[in-house]
Every structure is written in structure tokens, then in C-alpha cells.
Amino acid sequence: MNKRTLFIGAGSVLVIGLLTLISATRWSDSHAGAHPQAPAVSTATIARGAYLARLGDCAACHSAPGQAPYSGGLRMQTPIGAIYTSNITPDRQHGIGNYTLADFDRALRFGVANGHTLYPAMPYSAYSSTTPEDVAALYAYFMHEVQPAAVARRDNDIPFPLSMRWPLTIWRWAVAPAPRAFQMQTSDAMLRRGAYIVEGLGHCGDCHTPRGPSLQVRALSAADGPAYLSGAIIDGWHAPSLRNGDRTTIGAWSEADIAQFLRTGSNRHGIAFASMNEVVSNSTQFLSSDDAAAVAHFLKSLTDTGAGMGRYVYDPATSLALRNGDAGARGAQLYLDNCAACHRPDGKGYQGVFPALAGNPVVAAAPSDSVIRIVLEGMKTARTDSTPAQFSMPSFAQRLSDQDVADVATFIRASWGNQAATISAAEVKQQRASPR
């Protein structure tokens, strides 16, 4: 056999294999899903679906400023390009008005719609454990309560060949779990309810769990190990660990603290910031008191057994030094000049308005991204029905140099018992230059 024949033979095998693989992905996409029968719709079912839609934070991604609710169009930047979210109102031309319950279930839990696998920006890996009863309630809400909006879908800004959908099916095969009934072997009904919310519709892991090399969430549930909710970088921010561990986690928070944070966006330990503000405003503020307590109960069960950095203990040394006029520590004078009026010399802030910096896990975490970005960009508190007033921290990007930001952030991370690493001017420069 000469080289030409060998080359043609190998090429033919490769082409046939590729065509077979593409055919298999198309067959898989066209046959994905179950065939649930739509139950009778009642006012109670629709109301439950409305609550579940808030619990799943559907509005955050499927609503864009200035557009009708759920009419899509929100731009989501991904490593391969920008995705525009879809219209999920019951509009028959542009939305999901022609969807059956099976179509809706296929998109929500299986990650397949209109004959192709969805981009995993849609958290179907988490939604896969949603009960069929809850899927039916969501369907009833979107079809009977949400107003149709004739808003055409925008094309995604993803260049070819990354725009091909069939590789997404292979991704789905490899890392997305098959929809399954939620299971948790425990006699603690509150724990089971909290896990169902956090691991499922709440999809907390999509922001707070690290991702693997193919951008899959490394752990989808508590049963998948300690990576679950152990903190992650998302959109340039560090989403802190939600586990019950050392000072870099929410280990010092009581269940009541966690429930309060979910429903108001703040507690005595800290305040929501960045995209968590939208999560609180669109979703968690509407949790029933029982569900908020169940979520908190479940999060406190995620115990880290390692020693880590130890639990936080307040150290009054910094507060005493500042009150005695000693501002000799690196960044101390900058703190007094720019921060102390709101966060106080003792670092304890004012609950619900200016967050405590002492013992705040966002301050204590090893990744310094969030601390630097808050100093550079400022922040706002979440707006909720119970806390309608928003308080703002100004941007210090123009006022402070890279070295100033590094110094004051290092002071905050090393005071009042905080023991996080120093920050360099180079780190600040990198954050300042990062595209947003």
C-alpha cells in the first residue's frame, strides 16, 4: 500500500467517523427528553410556578433592562463569545408559546431545545434534579401568567467554528448529568428541602463552585465532595465559599444570619455585592421564611474538616492603635482618610449599610479580586422590598494610585483579626486594566 492510498484511507475513516459522530449528536438531540403529560392547571399551580421561577432566578438572565419581563436579549459574555438569552414568554413567534410541557421539560432539565443542545450558560445541569411536579408548575406559570412579548431573539456573537452546536452535545454527554429524581438519604426534612433548592433550581453552584477545564461545574452537589460551593471566580469577581469552614467561608454565620442575608442582602457579617445583588433582588428576597431557613440549614451542613485558616476571632489591637493616633501600619492612614468614616476604626461597619470588614470572608479569602474591584469600582447594596433604599460606596479608581489601593487593601486584610495575604501594586494594576 503506497502513501497516497494510506492517506486517502485514513482521511476517509476520519471523515466517516466525524459524520457518524455528528449524526449521533443530532439523533441524541432529537430524541432527548421525556414525555410528561400536562396536569390540570389551577390557580394554586400557577402561583407555585411563579414562586419557583423566582427561586430559579429566571428573570435575571431572561429579562433585559427596558424590555418586557422574560423577553430575553440579555448579553452574556462567555469564553467563546457572547450569547443573547432567549425569549421565554408565551409569544408564539418569538417565545415559547408553541412549547408543550415535554418541550419545556426538555429545555429545562435536559438542556435541549429546538433540536440542539443549549449552551451551558443555561444551568440545566443543576435544574436536572427538579421534580416533574415543579417543572409542570413552572410551565403553567410561563404559559398562563407571563404576558407574551413579541421580541425577536438576537443572534449570538460566536464565531465559526465555535458556533457549531454539535460539540455541545458531546459536552452534554460528558459532563451534564441525566435528569434524575432528587434523592437524599436523611430523615431531616429541612435538610432535604434546603439541598433540593440549593443544588437544583437555586443553582448556587454555578457561581460558587470552581469549574473544570471544559468549564463544567466541578461538583454539582454535596455528595460530589468538598469542591462543592467552595468558592470560585466568576466574571472577574470572587464568589466566596458557602461552606461551613474557616474564616474564608461563612463558617462564623449562624443559620439565622444566612437566612437574613438571603432575604435582605445583608447581615452583621457582610453585604451582597456584584451579581449577588441581582440574585437577592430577583430571587432570594422572595424565599419563604421556611425555605430561607432550609437553605441556611443545608449550607451549615457542608462542613470542611480541614484546619484551614481557623475560625475568625476579633483582635482589638488595630482599633486601639487607630483610636490612640497610631497610623504607622502600612495603609492605616489611607484607611483613616478614605474608609473609617463608614467602616469605622474598629472595622465593624454599620449593619445593612456599610459592611463589616472585620471577619468578612470576602476580605479574608485568598483571591483578592473582589476586594480590589470594590475599592476601584465601588458598590451598591441590594434593593429589596424590605430594604428599598440603596447605599453606595464610591469608586476610588481616580483618587487612589495602584500602590494606594494595594496598601489600604492590605491593611484591611491584616487588621482586626483578618489574616489574608498582602496585595501588590501589580495586582491592582492588572485588575484596573482588565476589560469589563
Foldseek 3Di string as FASTA:
>chain_A
DDPVVVVVVVVVVVVVVVVVLLVVLLVCLVPDFDDDDQDDDDPVLLVLLVQLCQLLLQQVQQPDPPFAGSQWQDWDADPQFIDTGARCALDPPGHCVVPDLRQQCCCQQVQHHPRFHHDCVRVNLLQLQPDSSNSSSNVSNRNPPGDDDPDHTDDTPGDPPVPDGSVVSVVCVPARDHRDHDDDPDPPVLLSLLQNSPLHSNVVQLAQAEADPVRHRQDSGLVSDLSRSCWYADPLAIDFRLALEALLYCVVAALVQQLCCLQQQWGQAFGDWDCVLSSSARHRVSDDSSNSSSNSVNRHVRYDPDCPPHHFDFDCVQLVCVVVVNQPAFLSVVCVVAPCVACNSSQRGDTPARHRLRSRSSLQDQDVRNLLCCQAQKTWGHAHPVRNDIHIDHGCNPPDALQNSQRNSQVSCVHRRRDYDGGHSVVSVVSVPDDD
